[in-house]
Amino acid sequence: MGELEEYAKANSPYLMLKPGESAVGIYCGYKMVPNFRDPAKENPRYTIEIDGEKKLFTSSASRIALFFAEVKEGEFIKITKIKQGESVHYEVQKVNGDNPTWNKDNPEITDEDIEEIDKSAKKKT
């Protein structure tokens, strides 16, 4: 990651991911905010603690809202940015247990993911 990219990520209140990049963090809740395209409508804005910093993640996707409806504050999650052609969407996954380990049914978990969870857990305590 270049110096300017690091600067942008560190100084933005929003979660910034490149296509294919993931972030593991702790779900801290949500609030409804005006839609930036149509202020008469509202979208949920989720707060995720990543590496000890709270980042904002806004999505109007119903499937994302349904996912977060099942997640309790304090639980670990993983968000991945996916780009297919010109379309961009996010995949979200939940981490289970008090001592976080990924759901064993998910074959896409890497050692780096586990290390990221461990780092986040240590910063929370």
Protein backbone atom coordinates (compact mmCIF):
# COMPACT_ATOMS: atom_id res chain seq x y z
CA MET A 1 0.00 0.00 0.00
CA GLY A 2 1.39 3.39 -0.97
CA GLU A 3 1.83 6.36 1.32
CA LEU A 4 -1.15 8.28 -0.09
CA GLU A 5 -3.41 5.23 0.11
CA GLU A 6 -2.40 4.68 3.74
CA TYR A 7 -3.09 8.36 4.45
CA ALA A 8 -6.54 8.21 2.83
CA LYS A 9 -7.55 5.06 4.72
CA ALA A 10 -6.24 6.35 8.06
CA ASN A 11 -7.96 9.74 7.75
CA SER A 12 -11.31 8.63 6.35
CA PRO A 13 -14.16 7.92 8.76
CA TYR A 14 -15.44 5.42 6.16
CA LEU A 15 -14.37 1.86 5.51
CA MET A 16 -12.30 1.95 2.31
CA LEU A 17 -11.63 -1.31 0.47
CA LYS A 18 -10.22 -2.14 -2.95
CA PRO A 19 -12.01 -4.79 -5.03
CA GLY A 20 -11.18 -8.19 -3.53
CA GLU A 21 -9.94 -6.65 -0.27
CA SER A 22 -11.49 -7.66 3.07
CA ALA A 23 -11.65 -6.14 6.54
CA VAL A 24 -12.31 -7.97 9.80
CA GLY A 25 -13.79 -5.96 12.64
CA ILE A 26 -16.21 -5.70 15.52
CA TYR A 27 -19.80 -4.66 14.83
CA CYS A 28 -20.67 -1.59 16.93
CA GLY A 29 -24.25 -0.90 15.81
CA TYR A 30 -25.97 1.27 13.23
CA LYS A 31 -28.04 4.41 12.80
CA MET A 32 -30.35 5.57 10.03
CA VAL A 33 -29.00 8.47 7.96
CA PRO A 34 -30.32 10.37 4.93
CA ASN A 35 -29.59 8.77 1.55
CA PHE A 36 -26.97 10.92 -0.19
CA ARG A 37 -28.83 10.70 -3.54
CA ASP A 38 -32.33 11.21 -2.14
CA PRO A 39 -32.34 12.88 1.30
CA ALA A 40 -36.06 12.05 1.69
CA LYS A 41 -35.03 8.39 2.09
CA GLU A 42 -32.87 6.83 4.80
CA ASN A 43 -30.18 4.15 4.76
CA PRO A 44 -28.53 2.30 7.62
CA ARG A 45 -24.97 3.36 8.42
CA TYR A 46 -23.07 0.63 10.27
CA THR A 47 -20.16 1.26 12.62
CA ILE A 48 -17.34 -1.29 12.54
CA GLU A 49 -14.26 -1.19 14.79
CA ILE A 50 -11.21 -2.17 12.76
CA ASP A 51 -7.71 -2.14 14.25
CA GLY A 52 -8.98 -0.09 17.19
CA GLU A 53 -10.60 2.59 14.99
CA LYS A 54 -14.30 3.00 14.30
CA LYS A 55 -15.13 3.08 10.59
CA LEU A 56 -18.47 3.76 8.92
CA PHE A 57 -20.03 1.50 6.31
CA THR A 58 -23.21 2.59 4.51
CA SER A 59 -25.24 0.25 2.32
CA SER A 60 -28.80 0.42 1.06
CA ALA A 61 -28.78 -3.30 0.16
CA SER A 62 -31.57 -5.21 1.90
CA ARG A 63 -29.42 -8.36 2.13
CA ILE A 64 -26.79 -6.37 4.09
CA ALA A 65 -29.50 -5.04 6.45
CA LEU A 66 -30.85 -8.57 6.94
CA PHE A 67 -27.33 -9.81 7.73
CA PHE A 68 -26.74 -7.10 10.35
CA ALA A 69 -30.20 -7.74 11.85
CA GLU A 70 -28.80 -11.12 12.96
CA VAL A 71 -25.48 -9.75 14.29
CA LYS A 72 -25.15 -8.57 17.88
CA GLU A 73 -23.02 -5.59 18.82
CA GLY A 74 -19.56 -6.82 19.80
CA GLU A 75 -19.52 -9.73 17.34
CA PHE A 76 -16.78 -10.10 14.76
CA ILE A 77 -17.60 -9.75 11.08
CA LYS A 78 -15.73 -9.75 7.78
CA ILE A 79 -16.62 -7.41 4.89
CA THR A 80 -15.26 -8.04 1.38
CA LYS A 81 -15.61 -5.70 -1.60
CA ILE A 82 -16.50 -7.55 -4.82
CA LYS A 83 -16.35 -6.01 -8.29
CA GLN A 84 -17.94 -7.81 -11.23
CA GLY A 85 -17.62 -5.77 -14.42
CA GLU A 86 -18.94 -2.31 -13.54
CA SER A 87 -21.00 -3.63 -10.62
CA VAL A 88 -19.69 -3.40 -7.04
CA HIS A 89 -21.19 -5.16 -4.04
CA TYR A 90 -20.10 -6.30 -0.60
CA GLU A 91 -20.07 -9.75 0.96
CA VAL A 92 -20.45 -9.98 4.71
CA GLN A 93 -19.67 -12.92 6.97
CA LYS A 94 -20.06 -13.51 10.69
CA VAL A 95 -17.47 -14.90 13.08
CA ASN A 96 -18.78 -17.23 15.82
CA GLY A 97 -17.82 -17.73 19.46
CA ASP A 98 -16.28 -15.84 22.38
CA ASN A 99 -12.77 -16.70 21.22
CA PRO A 100 -13.35 -15.84 17.56
CA THR A 101 -12.86 -18.56 15.01
CA TRP A 102 -14.38 -18.61 11.58
CA ASN A 103 -17.38 -20.76 10.79
CA LYS A 104 -15.86 -24.12 9.84
CA ASP A 105 -18.32 -24.43 6.93
CA ASN A 106 -16.66 -21.46 5.22
CA PRO A 107 -13.70 -22.73 3.13
CA GLU A 108 -12.47 -19.22 2.21
CA ILE A 109 -10.90 -18.42 5.58
CA THR A 110 -7.16 -17.86 5.57
CA ASP A 111 -4.51 -17.74 8.28
CA GLU A 112 -4.32 -13.98 7.67
CA ASP A 113 -8.03 -13.70 8.53
CA ILE A 114 -7.45 -15.50 11.84
CA GLU A 115 -4.49 -13.21 12.64
CA GLU A 116 -6.65 -10.14 11.90
CA ILE A 117 -9.34 -11.43 14.27
CA ASP A 118 -6.76 -12.04 17.00
CA LYS A 119 -5.35 -8.51 16.59
CA SER A 120 -8.83 -6.96 16.79
CA ALA A 121 -9.71 -9.02 19.87
CA LYS A 122 -6.55 -7.90 21.70
CA LYS A 123 -7.25 -4.22 20.91
CA LYS A 124 -10.82 -4.53 22.23
CA THR A 125 -9.73 -5.74 25.68
